[in-house]
Protein backbone atom coordinates (compact mmCIF):
# COMPACT_ATOMS: atom_id res chain seq x y z
CA MET A 1 118.49 104.54 95.11
CA THR A 2 118.30 106.48 92.42
CA GLN A 3 121.61 106.15 90.57
CA ALA A 4 120.87 102.06 91.63
CA LEU A 5 117.41 102.84 89.73
CA ASP A 6 118.58 105.52 87.05
CA ALA A 7 120.07 102.56 85.93
CA THR A 8 116.83 100.02 85.13
CA PRO A 9 116.26 101.13 81.23
CA ALA A 10 112.44 102.64 80.55
CA ILE A 11 111.47 103.17 84.15
CA ALA A 12 111.33 106.61 85.78
CA PRO A 13 113.79 106.72 88.65
CA ASP A 14 111.33 109.53 90.24
CA LEU A 15 108.62 106.46 89.82
CA LEU A 16 109.42 103.93 91.16
CA ALA A 17 110.92 105.97 94.09
CA ASP A 18 107.61 107.00 94.94
CA LEU A 19 106.12 104.04 94.78
CA MET A 20 108.80 102.31 96.84
CA ASP A 21 108.17 105.38 99.61
CA PHE A 22 104.07 104.42 99.13
CA MET A 23 104.84 101.03 99.69
CA ARG A 24 106.20 102.37 103.07
CA ARG A 25 103.61 104.10 104.10
CA PRO A 26 100.61 102.68 105.19
CA ASP A 27 98.81 106.16 106.05
CA ASP A 28 99.02 106.74 102.63
CA GLY A 29 94.85 107.24 101.35
CA ASP A 30 93.08 106.76 98.66
CA ASP A 31 94.40 109.69 96.36
CA VAL A 32 97.65 108.10 96.73
CA PHE A 33 97.08 105.44 95.66
CA ASN A 34 94.66 106.80 92.47
CA SER A 35 98.00 109.24 91.37
CA LEU A 36 100.17 106.36 90.94
CA ALA A 37 98.10 104.07 89.53
CA LEU A 38 97.92 106.17 86.60
CA ARG A 39 101.84 107.10 86.26
CA LEU A 40 101.72 103.37 86.35
CA PHE A 41 98.96 103.35 84.03
CA THR A 42 100.76 105.86 81.22
CA HIS A 43 104.26 104.59 81.83
CA GLN A 44 102.31 101.05 80.68
CA PHE A 45 100.63 102.19 78.13
CA GLN A 46 103.78 104.24 76.67
CA HIS A 47 105.89 101.15 76.90
CA SER A 48 104.22 97.68 76.51
CA PRO A 49 102.76 97.54 72.97
CA ALA A 50 100.74 94.78 72.77
CA PHE A 51 98.90 96.42 76.51
CA GLN A 52 99.04 100.26 74.44
CA ARG A 53 96.46 98.30 71.66
CA TYR A 54 94.35 96.36 73.82
CA CYS A 55 93.82 99.57 76.01
CA ARG A 56 93.05 102.38 72.39
CA GLN A 57 90.83 99.05 71.54
CA GLN A 58 89.04 99.64 74.80
CA ARG A 59 88.92 103.15 74.69
CA LYS A 60 91.92 103.87 77.66
CA THR A 61 94.10 105.67 76.75
CA PRO A 62 96.16 108.13 80.07
CA ARG A 63 93.76 111.35 78.93
CA THR A 64 90.55 109.48 79.29
CA VAL A 65 91.82 106.83 82.32
CA LYS A 66 91.04 108.85 85.80
CA HIS A 67 90.74 106.44 87.78
CA TRP A 68 91.79 103.31 88.93
CA ARG A 69 89.21 100.95 88.90
CA ASP A 70 89.15 102.66 85.30
CA ILE A 71 92.20 101.17 84.18
CA PRO A 72 92.00 98.31 81.80
CA ALA A 73 92.46 94.44 82.89
CA VAL A 74 94.67 92.02 81.22
CA PRO A 75 93.26 88.31 81.71
CA ILE A 76 95.70 86.84 83.65
CA ASN A 77 96.38 83.97 80.20
CA ALA A 78 97.75 86.54 78.68
CA LEU A 79 100.71 86.14 80.16
CA LYS A 80 101.17 83.17 79.09
CA GLU A 81 100.69 83.64 75.40
CA LEU A 82 102.14 87.79 75.11
CA THR A 83 105.65 89.43 76.26
CA LEU A 84 103.92 92.09 78.54
CA SER A 85 106.62 93.91 79.58
CA CYS A 86 108.27 97.30 79.96
CA VAL A 87 111.85 96.49 79.54
CA PRO A 88 113.32 93.73 76.97
CA PRO A 89 112.65 91.18 78.36
CA GLU A 90 117.12 89.87 78.04
CA GLN A 91 117.76 93.29 80.33
CA CYS A 92 115.12 91.47 83.30
CA GLU A 93 116.97 89.95 86.18
CA ARG A 94 114.32 87.33 86.53
CA VAL A 95 111.76 85.50 84.84
CA PHE A 96 109.27 83.82 87.31
CA MET A 97 106.71 81.38 85.08
CA THR A 98 103.42 79.70 85.85
CA SER A 99 103.45 75.91 86.98
CA GLY A 100 100.76 73.89 85.67
CA THR A 101 101.69 72.33 82.35
CA THR A 102 105.13 70.62 81.63
CA ARG A 103 105.48 73.02 77.54
CA ALA A 104 107.29 75.34 77.85
CA ASP A 105 106.06 77.55 75.63
CA ASN A 106 102.83 77.91 77.56
CA ARG A 107 103.13 79.34 80.98
CA GLY A 108 102.42 82.70 81.83
CA ARG A 109 105.90 84.53 81.83
CA HIS A 110 106.08 87.66 84.40
CA TYR A 111 109.04 89.87 83.37
CA HIS A 112 111.32 91.30 86.14
CA PRO A 113 113.59 94.08 85.48
CA HIS A 114 114.73 94.09 88.76
CA LEU A 115 113.46 92.37 92.49
CA ARG A 116 113.75 95.85 95.29
CA VAL A 117 110.17 95.40 94.95
CA TYR A 118 109.43 92.50 95.05
CA ASP A 119 111.29 92.39 98.03
CA LEU A 120 110.13 94.82 99.94
CA SER A 121 106.62 94.23 98.66
CA MET A 122 106.88 90.53 100.20
CA LYS A 123 109.37 91.71 103.51
CA LEU A 124 106.63 94.90 104.29
CA TYR A 125 103.49 91.95 104.50
CA PHE A 126 104.81 89.40 105.24
CA ALA A 127 106.49 90.58 108.62
CA GLN A 128 103.07 92.35 109.10
CA ARG A 129 100.02 89.12 108.89
CA PHE A 130 102.61 86.39 109.40
CA MET A 131 105.41 87.51 111.74
CA ARG A 132 103.13 89.13 113.79
CA GLY A 133 105.95 91.98 115.11
CA THR A 134 108.28 88.62 115.78
CA PRO A 135 111.42 89.03 114.66
CA ARG A 136 112.44 85.64 113.16
CA MET A 137 111.70 82.41 114.20
CA ARG A 138 113.10 78.67 113.85
CA MET A 139 111.55 77.77 110.33
CA GLY A 140 111.26 75.13 108.20
CA ILE A 141 110.58 75.21 104.33
CA LEU A 142 108.31 71.72 102.38
CA PHE A 143 109.25 73.46 99.00
CA PRO A 144 112.36 73.49 97.11
CA THR A 145 114.96 76.00 96.62
CA GLU A 146 115.34 78.59 93.99
CA ALA A 147 118.37 76.62 92.70
CA MET A 148 115.85 74.06 92.24
CA LEU A 149 113.10 76.59 90.83
CA PRO A 150 114.89 79.30 89.58
CA ASN A 151 111.22 80.51 87.66
CA SER A 152 109.39 79.99 90.58
CA SER A 153 108.23 83.36 92.15
CA LEU A 154 107.05 80.70 95.90
CA ALA A 155 110.79 79.34 95.54
CA HIS A 156 112.55 82.90 95.75
CA TYR A 157 109.78 84.12 98.51
CA LEU A 158 110.27 81.54 100.75
CA ALA A 159 113.57 81.70 99.94
CA LEU A 160 113.17 85.47 101.56
CA ALA A 161 111.30 84.49 104.09
CA LEU A 162 113.76 81.86 105.64
CA LYS A 163 116.67 84.81 105.12
CA GLU A 164 115.47 87.74 106.76
CA PHE A 165 112.59 86.04 109.15
CA GLY A 166 114.38 82.60 110.29
CA THR A 167 116.90 81.68 112.51
CA GLU A 168 120.51 81.01 111.68
CA ASP A 169 118.27 76.91 112.25
CA SER A 170 116.01 77.01 109.51
CA GLU A 171 116.76 74.82 106.88
CA TYR A 172 114.32 73.52 103.72
CA PHE A 173 113.12 69.47 103.91
CA ILE A 174 112.54 68.91 100.53
CA SER A 175 115.76 68.51 98.21
CA PRO A 176 116.44 66.64 94.73
CA ASP A 177 115.72 63.57 96.67
CA GLY A 178 111.68 64.69 98.07
CA LEU A 179 110.90 65.33 101.43
CA ASP A 180 112.81 64.37 103.96
CA ILE A 181 111.27 63.08 106.51
CA ASP A 182 113.21 61.33 108.94
CA ARG A 183 115.23 64.93 109.64
CA LEU A 184 111.57 67.14 109.42
CA CYS A 185 110.69 64.88 112.59
CA HIS A 186 113.66 65.09 114.75
CA VAL A 187 113.25 68.72 114.00
CA LEU A 188 109.90 68.54 115.85
CA GLU A 189 110.82 66.92 118.32
CA GLN A 190 113.38 69.06 118.96
CA ALA A 191 111.01 72.13 118.24
CA GLN A 192 108.92 69.66 120.85
CA HIS A 193 111.65 69.30 123.83
CA THR A 194 112.96 72.77 123.73
CA GLN A 195 109.15 74.99 123.41
CA GLN A 196 110.40 76.96 121.01
CA PRO A 197 108.47 78.21 119.00
CA TYR A 198 108.06 77.10 115.66
CA ALA A 199 107.08 78.06 111.68
CA LEU A 200 106.39 75.15 109.03
CA LEU A 201 105.89 76.79 105.28
CA GLY A 202 105.44 75.65 102.28
CA ALA A 203 102.78 74.51 99.56
CA SER A 204 99.89 73.18 100.73
CA TYR A 205 100.30 69.90 99.14
CA SER A 206 103.09 69.79 100.53
CA PHE A 207 101.46 69.45 103.63
CA VAL A 208 99.35 67.10 102.52
CA HIS A 209 101.95 64.79 101.59
CA LEU A 210 103.72 64.82 104.64
CA MET A 211 100.29 64.49 106.53
CA ASP A 212 100.39 61.22 104.97
CA ALA A 213 104.02 59.83 105.47
CA LEU A 214 103.31 60.83 109.43
CA ARG A 215 99.58 58.87 109.69
CA GLU A 216 101.19 55.88 108.16
CA ARG A 217 104.16 56.29 110.97
CA GLY A 218 101.21 57.17 112.91
CA GLN A 219 103.25 60.68 114.46
CA SER A 220 102.27 63.55 115.66
CA PHE A 221 103.86 66.74 117.01
CA LYS A 222 102.15 69.17 119.22
CA LEU A 223 104.67 72.24 118.96
CA PRO A 224 104.84 75.01 121.51
CA LYS A 225 102.74 78.30 122.06
CA GLY A 226 103.72 80.75 119.13
CA SER A 227 104.19 77.89 116.74
CA ARG A 228 102.50 78.67 112.40
CA LEU A 229 102.00 76.82 110.06
CA PHE A 230 102.11 78.33 106.52
CA ASP A 231 100.83 77.24 103.21
CA THR A 232 100.12 78.77 99.69
CA GLY A 233 98.48 77.31 96.97
CA GLY A 234 95.88 74.16 96.19
CA PHE A 235 96.57 71.03 95.91
CA LYS A 236 94.09 69.32 92.93
CA GLY A 237 95.97 67.10 91.33
CA GLN A 238 99.11 67.65 93.03
CA SER A 239 98.12 65.29 96.31
CA ARG A 240 94.55 63.76 96.99
CA GLU A 241 91.75 65.67 97.65
CA LEU A 242 89.81 66.95 100.61
CA SER A 243 88.14 69.56 101.98
CA LEU A 244 89.78 73.13 103.12
CA GLU A 245 87.97 71.78 106.25
CA ASP A 246 89.28 68.72 106.38
CA PHE A 247 92.24 70.39 105.61
CA TYR A 248 94.09 72.17 108.42
CA SER A 249 91.56 69.88 110.84
CA GLN A 250 94.41 67.47 110.08
CA MET A 251 96.92 70.40 110.73
CA THR A 252 96.29 70.39 113.72
CA ALA A 253 95.69 67.65 114.56
CA CYS A 254 99.12 66.11 113.00
CA PHE A 255 101.38 69.44 114.22
CA GLY A 256 99.02 70.67 117.65
CA VAL A 257 98.88 73.85 116.00
CA ALA A 258 95.39 75.42 116.47
CA ALA A 259 93.68 76.64 112.54
CA GLU A 260 93.33 79.95 114.00
CA ALA A 261 97.66 80.06 113.82
CA CYS A 262 97.26 78.54 110.37
CA THR A 263 97.74 80.49 107.33
CA ASN A 264 96.96 80.64 104.13
CA MET A 265 98.51 82.56 101.48
CA TYR A 266 96.89 83.36 98.35
CA GLY A 267 99.23 84.57 95.57
CA MET A 268 99.97 84.46 92.12
CA THR A 269 103.11 84.33 89.40
CA GLU A 270 101.09 87.34 87.83
CA LEU A 271 101.36 89.33 90.69
CA SER A 272 103.79 90.89 93.24
CA THR A 273 101.60 90.67 95.76
CA GLN A 274 100.54 88.38 98.06
CA PHE A 275 97.08 87.95 100.45
CA TYR A 276 96.95 86.72 103.14
CA ASP A 277 94.22 85.75 106.12
CA ASP A 278 94.20 85.99 109.98
CA GLY A 279 93.83 82.25 110.18
CA ASN A 280 91.40 79.52 109.81
CA ALA A 281 89.06 78.61 111.99
CA THR A 282 86.43 78.91 109.82
CA GLN A 283 86.14 78.73 106.32
CA PRO A 284 86.04 80.55 103.97
CA ALA A 285 88.65 82.73 105.90
CA VAL A 286 88.79 86.67 104.30
CA LYS A 287 91.25 87.74 102.51
CA SER A 288 92.74 90.30 101.78
CA GLY A 289 96.18 92.45 101.44
CA PRO A 290 98.43 96.35 101.84
CA HIS A 291 97.23 99.30 100.63
CA TRP A 292 99.41 99.19 97.08
CA ILE A 293 96.76 96.62 96.37
CA ARG A 294 93.10 96.57 95.51
CA SER A 295 90.74 94.31 94.53
CA ARG A 296 87.02 94.53 92.39
CA THR A 297 84.94 91.89 91.24
CA VAL A 298 83.34 91.58 87.80
CA ASP A 299 81.07 90.39 85.59
CA PRO A 300 83.41 89.27 82.79
CA LEU A 301 80.73 89.46 80.44
CA THR A 302 80.74 92.98 80.82
CA GLY A 303 83.93 94.05 83.07
CA GLN A 304 81.72 96.38 85.16
CA ASP A 305 81.56 96.04 89.65
CA VAL A 306 79.10 93.26 90.87
CA PRO A 307 77.08 94.76 94.26
CA ALA A 308 78.89 94.79 96.91
CA GLY A 309 77.79 91.14 98.52
CA GLU A 310 77.55 89.91 95.39
CA ARG A 311 80.11 86.46 93.71
CA GLY A 312 82.14 88.29 90.87
CA VAL A 313 85.52 87.29 88.83
CA LEU A 314 88.33 89.02 91.48
CA VAL A 315 90.69 91.90 89.48
CA HIS A 316 93.76 92.98 91.85
CA CYS A 317 95.34 96.67 91.18
CA ASP A 318 98.30 95.90 92.22
CA LEU A 319 101.08 98.80 92.19
CA ALA A 320 104.29 96.25 93.11
CA ASN A 321 103.27 95.35 88.94
CA PHE A 322 105.17 97.92 87.68
CA ASN A 323 106.88 96.50 84.94
CA SER A 324 104.07 94.30 83.65
CA THR A 325 100.46 95.20 84.43
CA THR A 326 99.06 96.43 87.79
CA THR A 327 95.66 95.13 86.80
CA ILE A 328 94.77 91.53 86.11
CA LEU A 329 91.63 89.67 85.64
CA THR A 330 91.31 86.82 87.26
CA GLU A 331 89.76 83.37 86.87
CA ASP A 332 88.92 83.28 90.29
CA ILE A 333 85.35 83.40 92.20
CA GLY A 334 84.91 86.47 95.00
CA VAL A 335 83.01 87.83 96.66
CA LEU A 336 83.81 91.25 98.87
CA VAL A 337 83.58 91.66 102.52
CA ASP A 338 84.59 93.90 105.04
CA GLY A 339 87.94 93.60 105.38
CA GLY A 340 88.12 92.34 102.10
CA PHE A 341 87.25 89.22 99.90
CA LEU A 342 86.21 84.93 100.00
CA LEU A 343 87.71 83.28 97.13
CA LEU A 344 84.84 81.07 96.85
CA GLY A 345 86.77 79.32 93.37
CA ARG A 346 87.99 78.74 90.26
CA ALA A 347 85.28 80.42 87.65
CA GLU A 348 82.65 78.09 86.08
CA GLY A 349 79.66 78.73 83.42
CA ALA A 350 79.25 82.36 82.17
CA GLN A 351 81.57 83.64 84.87
CA ALA A 352 84.66 81.02 83.29
CA LYS A 353 82.96 82.51 79.40
CA GLY A 354 83.44 85.52 79.73
CA CYS A 355 87.29 84.87 81.04
CA SER A 356 87.73 83.70 77.93
CA LEU A 357 86.07 86.12 76.29
CA ALA A 358 87.91 88.22 77.52
CA MET A 359 91.00 87.25 76.83
CA ASP A 360 90.23 87.11 72.53
CA ALA A 361 89.54 90.12 72.29
CA PHE A 362 92.78 90.44 74.21
CA LEU A 363 94.91 88.80 72.07
CA ARG A 364 92.74 90.62 68.57
CA ALA A 365 93.75 93.55 70.05
CA ALA A 366 97.60 92.90 70.75
CA ARG A 367 98.66 91.14 67.32
CA GLU A 368 96.67 93.61 65.03
């Protein structure tokens, strides 16, 4: 382990080893999280010039920051404008890029010197929140492969799910030619017949297209007990619009899987850790993450935490983001509740203005 870590430039082997050990130990408490967050802040302050300039503008340095909540939050769009990496980008094993635009120069980039931390984060929490103790399941993937989308974090995430948790007969149903609806229907009929639990995973908009195709065929399924559905992302601009209640109601109608067994994952390219809910029988469902990520809700105009139970913009401190920045100011509105947070949509009005002002401040400081 130490030899492999030493090969990664500008990353202290003991820091990375301690981080990965912490991720494997869910019983470690707040003090250990805080200590690691501060060590990572110091590392990123020292090795990321743009981040350091922004922190100095905010009068935050490793000498003054004593708690993870005080680490300056980087606006999420900053990853579109600047290179935030402690390691030279050309030395990184993988670069994940955001979607949503055809302009290659206007896509957020998340640089990974290696994928050991990202993969560990995914595997540990996916096993707990989606697999729920089941070692492997037969899986179908409704998303392109890594070969088709090499810069997609979701493509890598789903490839890892299939490799680490899928049975040998798990497979993809999206190819360069599109969705293979005939083969998928055959496999779902097979699962009904054998009564072996089946897991179908993909982007939310992929499910919308699939359900529309099934409706046109007049076809639906009743997958065996223990089957699970997994969706992530939204469908705005990718498919027809529908409410979350309608979406999960249609999922149940098409696949015979109760909403309680339909898991939504909330993640983003700019993070290395994902959030999950425990089913979607009610909306909005509570999202929560593992012990190595913490969330706040803030007023983006002031950067200060809002009182518990009030709407604010979500800020995530993700220790698995060891190379870019641990702390991200999103453009998502949420409310902290017992057990996690409720995701309420995108920032609008004054909150969106606050996010824009935070972005302007970051860019001014980072480019000085």
